[in-house]
Amino acid sequence: MAPHPVVQAIIDLSAGAVGGAACVFSGQPLDTAKVKMQTFPTLYRGFTHCFTSTYRQVGLRGLYQGTTPALVANIAENSVLFMSYGFCQEVVRTLTGAASGEPLSDLQKACAGSVASIFSSLVLCPTELVKCRLQAMHEMAATGKIAIAANQSTVFGVCRSIWANEGLPGFFRGLVSTIAREVPGYFCFFGGYELSRSAFADYYACSKEDIGVAPVVFSGGFGGACLWLVVYPMDCVKSRIQVMSMSGGQVSTGFTRTLMDIMRTEGVRALYSGLTPTMLRTFPANGALFLGYEASRKFMMERFDR
């Protein structure tokens, strides 16, 4: 018996939260390196230089800078994302004339994930803004763009600074570029994940739910790789907008303006700065995300069926 839509939404939301937490703990140091390289592409010679420099300057704590807002961001984003994903799948069924609960094709699931990402962007943008600013704060101070007060290098300090200087709209700086990244990105994300699961299910001659742990982890990583290879330049622009606005400057006022400024002054290569740690991170982080989601969702569905 299928659970009530409200119960199903709660299960999807809870499973998304578990997956989001697993994603952060498995990939935060590499995400920190990614943000630093995106916002200061000329400051580091490469991923290894960025990683070791951060460790020498601040220690292990520096590699986990921004973990608290990253946890909030990922738990909030993935809770809303997977809950919306369930709703959007029902919308796709309605539009295609399919019965409720009927299996969708991989393409239809990719479309549902793409639409669901619009809703998750609204909760992701403010929390990711704080995370990015914390991660790049050392470089902003080192290059003379800001002066860090003792109480500004914390989550509360960053939030208070944004509220004092920019008000509520300041928390949504980079929202357009976040949505521009998420919509095509999550089409590739869910599409790659479902295609990979289908391939494993065909190979093992079983259902997608019975392919095992390793195939689920690989499929999650494959979906993440598909996402980042497509949307990485847009993510770079988003990080640049969110971090550079910390100095109070108005050089970059929007997605298109920032994109053109980067291409004109730094070249196309700057849009891919930090891609190496991102691709290294995507398999463990997104593998953990989907493993946490699928395992917790299956557990809760079994408890409901009892």
C-alpha atoms as a PDB file:
ATOM      1  CA  MET A   1       0.000   0.000   0.000  1.00  0.00           C
ATOM      2  CA  ALA A   2       1.358   3.391  -0.989  1.00  0.00           C
ATOM      3  CA  PRO A   3       1.685   5.875   1.896  1.00  0.00           C
ATOM      4  CA  HIS A   4      -0.458   8.991   2.114  1.00  0.00           C
ATOM      5  CA  PRO A   5       1.040  11.901   0.098  1.00  0.00           C
ATOM      6  CA  VAL A   6       1.789  13.830   3.309  1.00  0.00           C
ATOM      7  CA  VAL A   7       3.547  10.804   4.827  1.00  0.00           C
ATOM      8  CA  GLN A   8       5.460  10.280   1.584  1.00  0.00           C
ATOM      9  CA  ALA A   9       6.543  13.929   1.636  1.00  0.00           C
ATOM     10  CA  ILE A  10       7.795  13.606   5.231  1.00  0.00           C
ATOM     11  CA  ILE A  11       9.730  10.441   4.329  1.00  0.00           C
ATOM     12  CA  ASP A  12      11.317  12.119   1.293  1.00  0.00           C
ATOM     13  CA  LEU A  13      12.166  15.237   3.319  1.00  0.00           C
ATOM     14  CA  SER A  14      13.732  13.195   6.141  1.00  0.00           C
ATOM     15  CA  ALA A  15      15.678  10.953   3.764  1.00  0.00           C
ATOM     16  CA  GLY A  16      16.942  14.026   1.910  1.00  0.00           C
ATOM     17  CA  ALA A  17      18.181  15.481   5.210  1.00  0.00           C
ATOM     18  CA  VAL A  18      20.122  12.296   5.999  1.00  0.00           C
ATOM     19  CA  GLY A  19      21.653  12.289   2.530  1.00  0.00           C
ATOM     20  CA  GLY A  20      22.571  15.968   2.754  1.00  0.00           C
ATOM     21  CA  ALA A  21      24.413  15.480   6.059  1.00  0.00           C
ATOM     22  CA  ALA A  22      26.331  12.497   4.657  1.00  0.00           C
ATOM     23  CA  CYS A  23      27.305  14.572   1.611  1.00  0.00           C
ATOM     24  CA  VAL A  24      28.832  17.372   3.728  1.00  0.00           C
ATOM     25  CA  PHE A  25      30.849  15.195   6.102  1.00  0.00           C
ATOM     26  CA  SER A  26      32.379  13.223   3.223  1.00  0.00           C
ATOM     27  CA  GLY A  27      33.320  16.168   0.997  1.00  0.00           C
ATOM     28  CA  GLN A  28      33.703  19.449   2.933  1.00  0.00           C
ATOM     29  CA  PRO A  29      37.543  19.847   2.687  1.00  0.00           C
ATOM     30  CA  LEU A  30      37.432  19.477  -1.094  1.00  0.00           C
ATOM     31  CA  ASP A  31      34.502  21.900  -1.317  1.00  0.00           C
ATOM     32  CA  THR A  32      36.527  24.460   0.646  1.00  0.00           C
ATOM     33  CA  ALA A  33      39.400  24.125  -1.839  1.00  0.00           C
ATOM     34  CA  LYS A  34      36.945  24.517  -4.712  1.00  0.00           C
ATOM     35  CA  VAL A  35      35.500  27.802  -3.401  1.00  0.00           C
ATOM     36  CA  LYS A  36      38.956  29.260  -2.669  1.00  0.00           C
ATOM     37  CA  MET A  37      40.181  28.429  -6.181  1.00  0.00           C
ATOM     38  CA  GLN A  38      37.013  29.768  -7.808  1.00  0.00           C
ATOM     39  CA  THR A  39      37.210  33.135  -6.087  1.00  0.00           C
ATOM     40  CA  PHE A  40      41.017  33.550  -6.171  1.00  0.00           C
ATOM     41  CA  PRO A  41      42.182  31.604  -9.265  1.00  0.00           C
ATOM     42  CA  THR A  42      45.564  33.374  -9.416  1.00  0.00           C
ATOM     43  CA  LEU A  43      46.400  32.888  -5.741  1.00  0.00           C
ATOM     44  CA  TYR A  44      47.021  29.148  -6.007  1.00  0.00           C
ATOM     45  CA  ARG A  45      49.003  27.103  -8.519  1.00  0.00           C
ATOM     46  CA  GLY A  46      46.573  24.218  -8.321  1.00  0.00           C
ATOM     47  CA  PHE A  47      44.480  22.017  -6.080  1.00  0.00           C
ATOM     48  CA  THR A  48      47.411  20.557  -4.123  1.00  0.00           C
ATOM     49  CA  HIS A  49      48.895  24.030  -3.486  1.00  0.00           C
ATOM     50  CA  CYS A  50      45.518  25.350  -2.294  1.00  0.00           C
ATOM     51  CA  PHE A  51      44.906  22.342  -0.059  1.00  0.00           C
ATOM     52  CA  THR A  52      48.360  22.348   1.571  1.00  0.00           C
ATOM     53  CA  SER A  53      48.475  26.156   1.890  1.00  0.00           C
ATOM     54  CA  THR A  54      45.147  26.193   3.699  1.00  0.00           C
ATOM     55  CA  TYR A  55      46.302  23.439   6.035  1.00  0.00           C
ATOM     56  CA  ARG A  56      49.569  25.250   6.831  1.00  0.00           C
ATOM     57  CA  GLN A  57      47.864  28.618   7.374  1.00  0.00           C
ATOM     58  CA  VAL A  58      44.862  27.603   9.446  1.00  0.00           C
ATOM     59  CA  GLY A  59      45.226  23.871  10.116  1.00  0.00           C
ATOM     60  CA  LEU A  60      42.579  21.194   9.715  1.00  0.00           C
ATOM     61  CA  ARG A  61      39.971  23.668  10.951  1.00  0.00           C
ATOM     62  CA  GLY A  62      40.558  25.752   7.826  1.00  0.00           C
ATOM     63  CA  LEU A  63      39.615  22.843   5.558  1.00  0.00           C
ATOM     64  CA  TYR A  64      36.344  22.475   7.453  1.00  0.00           C
ATOM     65  CA  GLN A  65      35.639  26.227   7.529  1.00  0.00           C
ATOM     66  CA  GLY A  66      31.984  26.775   6.731  1.00  0.00           C
ATOM     67  CA  THR A  67      30.912  23.270   7.785  1.00  0.00           C
ATOM     68  CA  THR A  68      28.020  24.541   9.916  1.00  0.00           C
ATOM     69  CA  PRO A  69      26.359  26.582   7.150  1.00  0.00           C
ATOM     70  CA  ALA A  70      27.265  23.804   4.691  1.00  0.00           C
ATOM     71  CA  LEU A  71      25.361  21.332   6.875  1.00  0.00           C
ATOM     72  CA  VAL A  72      22.413  23.710   7.113  1.00  0.00           C
ATOM     73  CA  ALA A  73      22.601  24.367   3.366  1.00  0.00           C
ATOM     74  CA  ASN A  74      22.795  20.730   2.328  1.00  0.00           C
ATOM     75  CA  ILE A  75      20.216  19.462   4.790  1.00  0.00           C
ATOM     76  CA  ALA A  76      17.805  22.250   3.839  1.00  0.00           C
ATOM     77  CA  GLU A  77      18.511  21.940   0.117  1.00  0.00           C
ATOM     78  CA  ASN A  78      18.257  18.156  -0.081  1.00  0.00           C
ATOM     79  CA  SER A  79      15.225  17.981   2.209  1.00  0.00           C
ATOM     80  CA  VAL A  80      13.340  20.407  -0.041  1.00  0.00           C
ATOM     81  CA  LEU A  81      14.878  18.935  -3.211  1.00  0.00           C
ATOM     82  CA  PHE A  82      13.826  15.330  -2.576  1.00  0.00           C
ATOM     83  CA  MET A  83      10.435  16.310  -1.180  1.00  0.00           C
ATOM     84  CA  SER A  84       9.830  18.483  -4.263  1.00  0.00           C
ATOM     85  CA  TYR A  85      11.228  15.692  -6.444  1.00  0.00           C
ATOM     86  CA  GLY A  86       8.449  13.398  -5.203  1.00  0.00           C
ATOM     87  CA  PHE A  87       5.794  16.046  -5.890  1.00  0.00           C
ATOM     88  CA  CYS A  88       7.233  16.833  -9.322  1.00  0.00           C
ATOM     89  CA  GLN A  89       7.185  13.171 -10.265  1.00  0.00           C
ATOM     90  CA  GLU A  90       3.449  13.147  -9.539  1.00  0.00           C
ATOM     91  CA  VAL A  91       3.049  16.269 -11.691  1.00  0.00           C
ATOM     92  CA  VAL A  92       4.878  14.498 -14.534  1.00  0.00           C
ATOM     93  CA  ARG A  93       2.563  11.504 -14.151  1.00  0.00           C
ATOM     94  CA  THR A  94      -0.452  13.800 -14.301  1.00  0.00           C
ATOM     95  CA  LEU A  95       0.831  15.580 -17.421  1.00  0.00           C
ATOM     96  CA  THR A  96       1.610  12.286 -19.167  1.00  0.00           C
ATOM     97  CA  GLY A  97      -1.627  10.584 -18.126  1.00  0.00           C
ATOM     98  CA  ALA A  98       0.162   7.958 -16.004  1.00  0.00           C
ATOM     99  CA  ALA A  99      -1.404   6.486 -12.888  1.00  0.00           C
ATOM    100  CA  SER A 100      -0.239   7.644  -9.467  1.00  0.00           C
ATOM    101  CA  GLY A 101       2.825   5.693  -8.384  1.00  0.00           C
ATOM    102  CA  GLU A 102       3.500   4.333 -11.858  1.00  0.00           C
ATOM    103  CA  PRO A 103       7.248   4.075 -12.644  1.00  0.00           C
ATOM    104  CA  LEU A 104       8.632   6.923 -14.739  1.00  0.00           C
ATOM    105  CA  SER A 105      11.324   6.774 -17.396  1.00  0.00           C
ATOM    106  CA  ASP A 106      14.811   8.037 -16.618  1.00  0.00           C
ATOM    107  CA  LEU A 107      14.166  11.110 -18.791  1.00  0.00           C
ATOM    108  CA  GLN A 108      10.931  11.908 -16.965  1.00  0.00           C
ATOM    109  CA  LYS A 109      12.703  11.633 -13.601  1.00  0.00           C
ATOM    110  CA  ALA A 110      15.438  13.954 -14.873  1.00  0.00           C
ATOM    111  CA  CYS A 111      12.780  16.536 -15.796  1.00  0.00           C
ATOM    112  CA  ALA A 112      11.140  16.195 -12.365  1.00  0.00           C
ATOM    113  CA  GLY A 113      14.500  16.725 -10.656  1.00  0.00           C
ATOM    114  CA  SER A 114      15.203  19.796 -12.775  1.00  0.00           C
ATOM    115  CA  VAL A 115      11.935  21.477 -11.753  1.00  0.00           C
ATOM    116  CA  ALA A 116      12.387  20.450  -8.104  1.00  0.00           C
ATOM    117  CA  SER A 117      15.723  22.266  -8.008  1.00  0.00           C
ATOM    118  CA  ILE A 118      13.969  25.646  -8.382  1.00  0.00           C
ATOM    119  CA  PHE A 119      12.368  25.188  -4.958  1.00  0.00           C
ATOM    120  CA  SER A 120      15.569  23.952  -3.317  1.00  0.00           C
ATOM    121  CA  SER A 121      17.461  26.996  -4.670  1.00  0.00           C
ATOM    122  CA  LEU A 122      15.373  29.295  -2.474  1.00  0.00           C
ATOM    123  CA  VAL A 123      16.648  27.662   0.713  1.00  0.00           C
ATOM    124  CA  LEU A 124      20.128  26.898  -0.625  1.00  0.00           C
ATOM    125  CA  CYS A 125      21.143  30.408  -1.717  1.00  0.00           C
ATOM    126  CA  PRO A 126      21.260  32.142   1.725  1.00  0.00           C
ATOM    127  CA  THR A 127      23.048  29.285   3.492  1.00  0.00           C
ATOM    128  CA  GLU A 128      25.535  28.727   0.668  1.00  0.00           C
ATOM    129  CA  LEU A 129      26.255  32.465   0.631  1.00  0.00           C
ATOM    130  CA  VAL A 130      27.366  32.331   4.275  1.00  0.00           C
ATOM    131  CA  LYS A 131      29.379  29.148   3.625  1.00  0.00           C
ATOM    132  CA  CYS A 132      31.250  30.629   0.666  1.00  0.00           C
ATOM    133  CA  ARG A 133      32.092  33.831   2.541  1.00  0.00           C
ATOM    134  CA  LEU A 134      33.458  31.892   5.507  1.00  0.00           C
ATOM    135  CA  GLN A 135      35.515  29.646   3.220  1.00  0.00           C
ATOM    136  CA  ALA A 136      37.126  32.571   1.352  1.00  0.00           C
ATOM    137  CA  MET A 137      37.441  35.007   4.265  1.00  0.00           C
ATOM    138  CA  HIS A 138      41.180  34.395   4.766  1.00  0.00           C
ATOM    139  CA  GLU A 139      41.909  35.189   1.098  1.00  0.00           C
ATOM    140  CA  MET A 140      39.694  38.294   1.158  1.00  0.00           C
ATOM    141  CA  ALA A 141      41.651  39.608   4.145  1.00  0.00           C
ATOM    142  CA  ALA A 142      45.041  38.596   2.722  1.00  0.00           C
ATOM    143  CA  THR A 143      44.398  40.507  -0.506  1.00  0.00           C
ATOM    144  CA  GLY A 144      43.252  43.621   1.376  1.00  0.00           C
ATOM    145  CA  LYS A 145      39.632  43.469   0.221  1.00  0.00           C
ATOM    146  CA  ILE A 146      38.240  43.308   3.758  1.00  0.00           C
ATOM    147  CA  ALA A 147      39.436  43.687   7.344  1.00  0.00           C
ATOM    148  CA  ILE A 148      38.281  40.849   9.571  1.00  0.00           C
ATOM    149  CA  ALA A 149      37.043  41.754  13.020  1.00  0.00           C
ATOM    150  CA  ALA A 150      37.340  39.119  15.744  1.00  0.00           C
ATOM    151  CA  ASN A 151      33.604  38.499  15.732  1.00  0.00           C
ATOM    152  CA  GLN A 152      33.167  38.382  11.949  1.00  0.00           C
ATOM    153  CA  SER A 153      34.751  34.995  11.222  1.00  0.00           C
ATOM    154  CA  THR A 154      31.809  33.027  12.592  1.00  0.00           C
ATOM    155  CA  VAL A 155      28.465  32.062  11.112  1.00  0.00           C
ATOM    156  CA  PHE A 156      26.688  34.567  13.352  1.00  0.00           C
ATOM    157  CA  GLY A 157      29.198  37.287  12.525  1.00  0.00           C
ATOM    158  CA  VAL A 158      28.794  36.805   8.778  1.00  0.00           C
ATOM    159  CA  CYS A 159      24.996  36.768   9.057  1.00  0.00           C
ATOM    160  CA  ARG A 160      25.014  39.940  11.192  1.00  0.00           C
ATOM    161  CA  SER A 161      27.321  41.677   8.686  1.00  0.00           C
ATOM    162  CA  ILE A 162      25.073  40.760   5.748  1.00  0.00           C
ATOM    163  CA  TRP A 163      21.967  41.963   7.574  1.00  0.00           C
ATOM    164  CA  ALA A 164      23.612  45.255   8.647  1.00  0.00           C
ATOM    165  CA  ASN A 165      25.125  46.095   5.251  1.00  0.00           C
ATOM    166  CA  GLU A 166      22.706  44.593   2.732  1.00  0.00           C
ATOM    167  CA  GLY A 167      19.491  43.744   4.564  1.00  0.00           C
ATOM    168  CA  LEU A 168      17.309  40.741   3.703  1.00  0.00           C
ATOM    169  CA  PRO A 169      18.035  40.930  -0.074  1.00  0.00           C
ATOM    170  CA  GLY A 170      21.719  40.451   0.741  1.00  0.00           C
ATOM    171  CA  PHE A 171      21.073  36.856   1.772  1.00  0.00           C
ATOM    172  CA  PHE A 172      19.790  36.128  -1.730  1.00  0.00           C
ATOM    173  CA  ARG A 173      22.765  37.582  -3.587  1.00  0.00           C
ATOM    174  CA  GLY A 174      23.589  35.096  -6.336  1.00  0.00           C
ATOM    175  CA  LEU A 175      20.055  33.617  -6.488  1.00  0.00           C
ATOM    176  CA  VAL A 176      19.783  33.999 -10.282  1.00  0.00           C
ATOM    177  CA  SER A 177      23.098  32.245 -10.837  1.00  0.00           C
ATOM    178  CA  THR A 178      22.113  29.573  -8.304  1.00  0.00           C
ATOM    179  CA  ILE A 179      18.915  28.812 -10.240  1.00  0.00           C
ATOM    180  CA  ALA A 180      20.831  29.004 -13.546  1.00  0.00           C
ATOM    181  CA  ARG A 181      23.155  26.357 -12.140  1.00  0.00           C
ATOM    182  CA  GLU A 182      20.568  24.147 -10.469  1.00  0.00           C
ATOM    183  CA  VAL A 183      17.952  23.723 -13.237  1.00  0.00           C
ATOM    184  CA  PRO A 184      20.207  22.230 -15.953  1.00  0.00           C
ATOM    185  CA  GLY A 185      22.498  20.738 -13.325  1.00  0.00           C
ATOM    186  CA  TYR A 186      19.834  18.660 -11.623  1.00  0.00           C
ATOM    187  CA  PHE A 187      18.474  17.484 -14.949  1.00  0.00           C
ATOM    188  CA  CYS A 188      21.921  15.957 -15.513  1.00  0.00           C
ATOM    189  CA  PHE A 189      22.216  14.927 -11.853  1.00  0.00           C
ATOM    190  CA  PHE A 190      19.049  12.868 -11.628  1.00  0.00           C
ATOM    191  CA  GLY A 191      19.312  11.800 -15.271  1.00  0.00           C
ATOM    192  CA  GLY A 192      22.861  10.463 -14.793  1.00  0.00           C
ATOM    193  CA  TYR A 193      21.921   8.786 -11.506  1.00  0.00           C
ATOM    194  CA  GLU A 194      18.872   7.031 -12.924  1.00  0.00           C
ATOM    195  CA  LEU A 195      20.634   5.996 -16.155  1.00  0.00           C
ATOM    196  CA  SER A 196      23.467   4.474 -14.146  1.00  0.00           C
ATOM    197  CA  ARG A 197      21.046   2.642 -11.847  1.00  0.00           C
ATOM    198  CA  SER A 198      19.153   1.332 -14.874  1.00  0.00           C
ATOM    199  CA  ALA A 199      22.396   0.047 -16.371  1.00  0.00           C
ATOM    200  CA  PHE A 200      23.276  -1.793 -13.141  1.00  0.00           C
ATOM    201  CA  ALA A 201      19.730  -3.188 -12.861  1.00  0.00           C
ATOM    202  CA  ASP A 202      19.944  -4.537 -16.431  1.00  0.00           C
ATOM    203  CA  TYR A 203      23.384  -6.021 -15.774  1.00  0.00           C
ATOM    204  CA  TYR A 204      22.331  -7.775 -12.566  1.00  0.00           C
ATOM    205  CA  ALA A 205      18.821  -8.576 -13.893  1.00  0.00           C
ATOM    206  CA  CYS A 206      17.132  -7.070 -10.856  1.00  0.00           C
ATOM    207  CA  SER A 207      15.161  -3.971  -9.861  1.00  0.00           C
ATOM    208  CA  LYS A 208      16.848  -0.612  -9.261  1.00  0.00           C
ATOM    209  CA  GLU A 209      16.154  -0.943  -5.537  1.00  0.00           C
ATOM    210  CA  ASP A 210      18.144  -4.202  -5.317  1.00  0.00           C
ATOM    211  CA  ILE A 211      21.390  -3.289  -7.107  1.00  0.00           C
ATOM    212  CA  GLY A 212      23.411  -3.028  -3.881  1.00  0.00           C
ATOM    213  CA  VAL A 213      25.470  -0.426  -2.032  1.00  0.00           C
ATOM    214  CA  ALA A 214      28.456  -0.055  -4.384  1.00  0.00           C
ATOM    215  CA  PRO A 215      26.313   0.518  -7.532  1.00  0.00           C
ATOM    216  CA  VAL A 216      24.233   3.119  -5.664  1.00  0.00           C
ATOM    217  CA  VAL A 217      27.385   4.962  -4.540  1.00  0.00           C
ATOM    218  CA  PHE A 218      28.834   4.836  -8.063  1.00  0.00           C
ATOM    219  CA  SER A 219      25.530   6.003  -9.591  1.00  0.00           C
ATOM    220  CA  GLY A 220      25.393   8.940  -7.174  1.00  0.00           C
ATOM    221  CA  GLY A 221      28.961   9.879  -8.039  1.00  0.00           C
ATOM    222  CA  PHE A 222      28.237   9.537 -11.752  1.00  0.00           C
ATOM    223  CA  GLY A 223      25.200  11.816 -11.420  1.00  0.00           C
ATOM    224  CA  GLY A 224      27.321  14.364  -9.542  1.00  0.00           C
ATOM    225  CA  ALA A 225      30.022  14.243 -12.227  1.00  0.00           C
ATOM    226  CA  CYS A 226      27.396  14.867 -14.929  1.00  0.00           C
ATOM    227  CA  LEU A 227      26.098  17.862 -12.972  1.00  0.00           C
ATOM    228  CA  TRP A 228      29.460  19.543 -12.404  1.00  0.00           C
ATOM    229  CA  LEU A 229      30.827  19.023 -15.903  1.00  0.00           C
ATOM    230  CA  VAL A 230      27.795  20.884 -17.280  1.00  0.00           C
ATOM    231  CA  VAL A 231      27.300  23.688 -14.760  1.00  0.00           C
ATOM    232  CA  TYR A 232      30.741  24.379 -13.280  1.00  0.00           C
ATOM    233  CA  PRO A 233      31.217  27.797 -14.979  1.00  0.00           C
ATOM    234  CA  MET A 234      27.845  28.945 -13.586  1.00  0.00           C
ATOM    235  CA  ASP A 235      28.857  27.775 -10.110  1.00  0.00           C
ATOM    236  CA  CYS A 236      32.115  29.717 -10.430  1.00  0.00           C
ATOM    237  CA  VAL A 237      30.196  32.897 -11.276  1.00  0.00           C
ATOM    238  CA  LYS A 238      27.852  32.299  -8.323  1.00  0.00           C
ATOM    239  CA  SER A 239      30.759  31.883  -5.892  1.00  0.00           C
ATOM    240  CA  ARG A 240      32.462  35.004  -7.232  1.00  0.00           C
ATOM    241  CA  ILE A 241      29.278  37.100  -6.794  1.00  0.00           C
ATOM    242  CA  GLN A 242      28.650  35.847  -3.272  1.00  0.00           C
ATOM    243  CA  VAL A 243      32.224  36.247  -2.022  1.00  0.00           C
ATOM    244  CA  MET A 244      33.303  39.465  -3.742  1.00  0.00           C
ATOM    245  CA  SER A 245      30.177  41.302  -2.591  1.00  0.00           C
ATOM    246  CA  MET A 246      31.541  40.845   0.935  1.00  0.00           C
ATOM    247  CA  SER A 247      33.894  43.778   0.314  1.00  0.00           C
ATOM    248  CA  GLY A 248      30.947  46.059  -0.390  1.00  0.00           C
ATOM    249  CA  GLY A 249      32.085  46.725  -3.951  1.00  0.00           C
ATOM    250  CA  GLN A 250      29.688  46.968  -6.854  1.00  0.00           C
ATOM    251  CA  VAL A 251      32.020  45.809  -9.628  1.00  0.00           C
ATOM    252  CA  SER A 252      29.998  42.680 -10.289  1.00  0.00           C
ATOM    253  CA  THR A 253      26.277  43.427 -10.128  1.00  0.00           C
ATOM    254  CA  GLY A 254      24.759  40.351 -11.697  1.00  0.00           C
ATOM    255  CA  PHE A 255      25.283  36.990 -13.332  1.00  0.00           C
ATOM    256  CA  THR A 256      25.844  38.165 -16.924  1.00  0.00           C
ATOM    257  CA  ARG A 257      28.037  41.127 -15.913  1.00  0.00           C
ATOM    258  CA  THR A 258      30.209  38.935 -13.665  1.00  0.00           C
ATOM    259  CA  LEU A 259      30.522  36.245 -16.327  1.00  0.00           C
ATOM    260  CA  MET A 260      31.656  38.758 -18.946  1.00  0.00           C
ATOM    261  CA  ASP A 261      34.071  40.423 -16.499  1.00  0.00           C
ATOM    262  CA  ILE A 262      35.749  37.088 -15.724  1.00  0.00           C
ATOM    263  CA  MET A 263      36.015  36.090 -19.381  1.00  0.00           C
ATOM    264  CA  ARG A 264      37.399  39.503 -20.410  1.00  0.00           C
ATOM    265  CA  THR A 265      39.946  39.952 -17.619  1.00  0.00           C
ATOM    266  CA  GLU A 266      40.899  36.385 -16.694  1.00  0.00           C
ATOM    267  CA  GLY A 267      39.893  34.219 -19.636  1.00  0.00           C
ATOM    268  CA  VAL A 268      37.663  31.167 -19.949  1.00  0.00           C
ATOM    269  CA  ARG A 269      40.108  29.049 -17.944  1.00  0.00           C
ATOM    270  CA  ALA A 270      39.242  30.985 -14.770  1.00  0.00           C
ATOM    271  CA  LEU A 271      35.666  29.669 -15.017  1.00  0.00           C
ATOM    272  CA  TYR A 272      37.035  26.158 -14.470  1.00  0.00           C
ATOM    273  CA  SER A 273      39.382  26.991 -11.599  1.00  0.00           C
ATOM    274  CA  GLY A 274      38.772  24.500  -8.793  1.00  0.00           C
ATOM    275  CA  LEU A 275      37.308  21.800 -11.070  1.00  0.00           C
ATOM    276  CA  THR A 276      39.861  19.210  -9.878  1.00  0.00           C
ATOM    277  CA  PRO A 277      38.803  19.174  -6.183  1.00  0.00           C
ATOM    278  CA  THR A 278      35.175  19.310  -7.319  1.00  0.00           C
ATOM    279  CA  MET A 279      35.524  16.165  -9.436  1.00  0.00           C
ATOM    280  CA  LEU A 280      37.521  14.439  -6.675  1.00  0.00           C
ATOM    281  CA  ARG A 281      34.764  15.334  -4.216  1.00  0.00           C
ATOM    282  CA  THR A 282      31.776  14.388  -6.354  1.00  0.00           C
ATOM    283  CA  PHE A 283      32.041  10.584  -6.123  1.00  0.00           C
ATOM    284  CA  PRO A 284      32.383  10.213  -2.333  1.00  0.00           C
ATOM    285  CA  ALA A 285      30.078  13.148  -1.538  1.00  0.00           C
ATOM    286  CA  ASN A 286      27.250  12.401  -3.964  1.00  0.00           C
ATOM    287  CA  GLY A 287      27.684   8.671  -3.480  1.00  0.00           C
ATOM    288  CA  ALA A 288      27.152   9.262   0.240  1.00  0.00           C
ATOM    289  CA  LEU A 289      24.204  11.569  -0.532  1.00  0.00           C
ATOM    290  CA  PHE A 290      22.270   8.970  -2.514  1.00  0.00           C
ATOM    291  CA  LEU A 291      23.294   6.086  -0.271  1.00  0.00           C
ATOM    292  CA  GLY A 292      22.034   8.000   2.769  1.00  0.00           C
ATOM    293  CA  TYR A 293      18.856   8.975   0.926  1.00  0.00           C
ATOM    294  CA  GLU A 294      18.040   5.544  -0.498  1.00  0.00           C
ATOM    295  CA  ALA A 295      18.905   3.610   2.678  1.00  0.00           C
ATOM    296  CA  SER A 296      16.983   5.888   5.054  1.00  0.00           C
ATOM    297  CA  ARG A 297      14.031   6.135   2.662  1.00  0.00           C
ATOM    298  CA  LYS A 298      13.864   2.345   2.326  1.00  0.00           C
ATOM    299  CA  PHE A 299      14.098   1.976   6.118  1.00  0.00           C
ATOM    300  CA  MET A 300      11.241   4.424   6.718  1.00  0.00           C
ATOM    301  CA  MET A 301       9.075   2.910   3.973  1.00  0.00           C
ATOM    302  CA  GLU A 302       9.514  -0.567   5.507  1.00  0.00           C
ATOM    303  CA  ARG A 303       8.533   0.772   8.933  1.00  0.00           C
ATOM    304  CA  PHE A 304       5.452   2.387   7.399  1.00  0.00           C
ATOM    305  CA  ASP A 305       4.415  -0.853   5.667  1.00  0.00           C
ATOM    306  CA  ARG A 306       4.447  -2.655   8.997  1.00  0.00           C
END
